Protein backbone atom coordinates (compact mmCIF):
# COMPACT_ATOMS: atom_id res chain seq x y z
CA UNK A 1 -37.50 20.27 -22.99
CA UNK A 2 -33.72 20.19 -22.97
CA UNK A 3 -32.56 16.79 -25.00
CA UNK A 4 -35.84 16.35 -26.59
CA UNK A 5 -35.59 15.48 -30.45
CA UNK A 6 -38.25 16.92 -32.56
CA UNK A 7 -40.25 14.66 -34.67
CA UNK A 8 -38.25 16.03 -37.84
CA UNK A 9 -35.03 14.91 -36.43
CA UNK A 10 -36.21 11.61 -35.37
CA UNK A 11 -37.73 11.06 -39.06
CA UNK A 12 -34.28 11.91 -40.54
CA UNK A 13 -32.62 9.51 -38.13
CA UNK A 14 -35.03 6.57 -38.66
CA UNK A 15 -34.86 7.37 -42.25
CA UNK A 16 -31.05 7.15 -42.41
CA UNK A 17 -30.77 4.01 -40.38
CA UNK A 18 -33.57 2.33 -42.02
CA UNK A 19 -35.74 2.23 -38.91
CA UNK A 20 -39.26 1.32 -39.12
CA UNK A 21 -39.51 2.15 -35.21
CA UNK A 22 -38.03 5.21 -33.25
CA UNK A 23 -38.97 5.17 -29.69
CA UNK A 24 -38.64 7.57 -26.76
CA UNK A 25 -36.30 6.41 -23.84
CA UNK A 26 -38.95 6.89 -21.59
CA UNK A 27 -41.77 5.29 -23.87
CA UNK A 28 -38.95 2.33 -23.73
CA UNK A 29 -38.81 2.76 -19.68
CA UNK A 30 -42.63 2.53 -19.46
CA UNK A 31 -43.27 -0.45 -21.58
CA UNK A 32 -40.50 -2.53 -20.63
CA UNK A 33 -40.17 -1.73 -16.66
CA UNK A 34 -44.06 -2.68 -15.76
CA UNK A 35 -43.14 -4.90 -12.70
CA UNK A 36 -46.27 -7.19 -11.71
CA UNK A 37 -47.25 -4.88 -8.91
CA UNK A 38 -47.47 -2.19 -11.39
CA UNK A 39 -49.45 -3.91 -14.44
CA UNK A 40 -52.79 -2.29 -13.53
CA UNK A 41 -51.48 1.33 -14.00
CA UNK A 42 -52.62 2.79 -16.98
CA UNK A 43 -50.21 5.07 -19.48
CA UNK A 44 -50.91 7.25 -22.53
CA UNK A 45 -48.14 6.99 -25.03
CA UNK A 46 -48.47 9.09 -27.97
CA UNK A 47 -47.98 7.44 -31.09
CA UNK A 48 -47.20 9.18 -34.80
CA UNK A 49 -47.12 7.29 -38.03
CA UNK A 50 -45.26 8.96 -40.95
CA UNK A 51 -45.29 7.43 -44.77
CA UNK A 52 -42.20 8.66 -46.73
CA UNK A 53 -40.41 7.30 -49.72
CA UNK A 54 -37.55 4.82 -49.59
CA UNK A 55 -35.30 2.99 -52.07
CA UNK A 56 -36.47 2.91 -55.74
CA UNK A 57 -39.64 4.96 -54.49
CA UNK A 58 -41.02 2.61 -52.37
CA UNK A 59 -43.58 3.66 -49.75
CA UNK A 60 -41.67 3.24 -46.06
CA UNK A 61 -43.89 3.63 -42.90
CA UNK A 62 -42.18 5.02 -39.66
CA UNK A 63 -43.78 4.46 -36.34
CA UNK A 64 -42.64 7.14 -33.65
CA UNK A 65 -43.40 6.25 -30.10
CA UNK A 66 -42.93 9.46 -28.09
CA UNK A 67 -42.40 10.33 -24.23
CA UNK A 68 -45.36 8.87 -21.96
CA UNK A 69 -48.11 11.48 -20.69
CA UNK A 70 -48.71 11.82 -17.12
CA UNK A 71 -51.15 9.43 -15.49
CA UNK A 72 -54.89 10.51 -15.28
CA UNK A 73 -54.54 8.89 -11.92
CA UNK A 74 -52.59 11.90 -10.74
CA UNK A 75 -54.08 14.88 -9.00
CA UNK A 76 -52.33 18.00 -9.82
CA UNK A 77 -50.28 17.88 -6.41
CA UNK A 78 -48.43 14.61 -7.49
CA UNK A 79 -48.14 16.28 -10.87
CA UNK A 80 -46.63 19.38 -9.74
CA UNK A 81 -44.23 16.92 -7.48
CA UNK A 82 -42.98 15.10 -10.30
CA UNK A 83 -42.27 18.40 -12.49
CA UNK A 84 -40.21 19.84 -9.30
CA UNK A 85 -38.23 16.42 -9.00
CA UNK A 86 -37.33 16.76 -12.55
CA UNK A 87 -36.38 20.12 -12.87
CA UNK A 88 -34.20 19.59 -9.58
CA UNK A 89 -32.49 16.44 -11.02
CA UNK A 90 -32.22 18.80 -14.34
CA UNK A 91 -30.44 21.34 -12.49
CA UNK A 92 -27.89 18.95 -10.51
CA UNK A 93 -27.04 17.38 -14.08
CA UNK A 94 -26.33 20.63 -15.49
CA UNK A 95 -24.32 21.75 -12.36
CA UNK A 96 -22.54 18.65 -12.46
CA UNK A 97 -21.52 18.84 -16.13
CA UNK A 98 -20.22 22.56 -15.73
CA UNK A 99 -18.09 21.61 -12.78
CA UNK A 100 -16.81 18.68 -14.70
CA UNK A 101 -15.76 20.68 -17.48
CA UNK A 102 -14.28 23.36 -15.25
């Protein structure tokens, strides 16, 4: 996916900034954007915990919270519509960027 950051790159950035948690923007939006009418929805958010070595050979732990997975409540047609919408937005964004730089 364009703009996606690999786990290795996220781990390097978290280590550099001494962060204990690295969270994808989509995961943050999912967790913080649950309005009262949406609290009953289920979400599956992948979480990875990595141990590393910190200053003075201390052990550090970093938690990586990735993009939410599609809800199991969606049927295949709804999932296809979501993929289509994301693709249209990505192409429109790329087109706008190309036009702006020209």
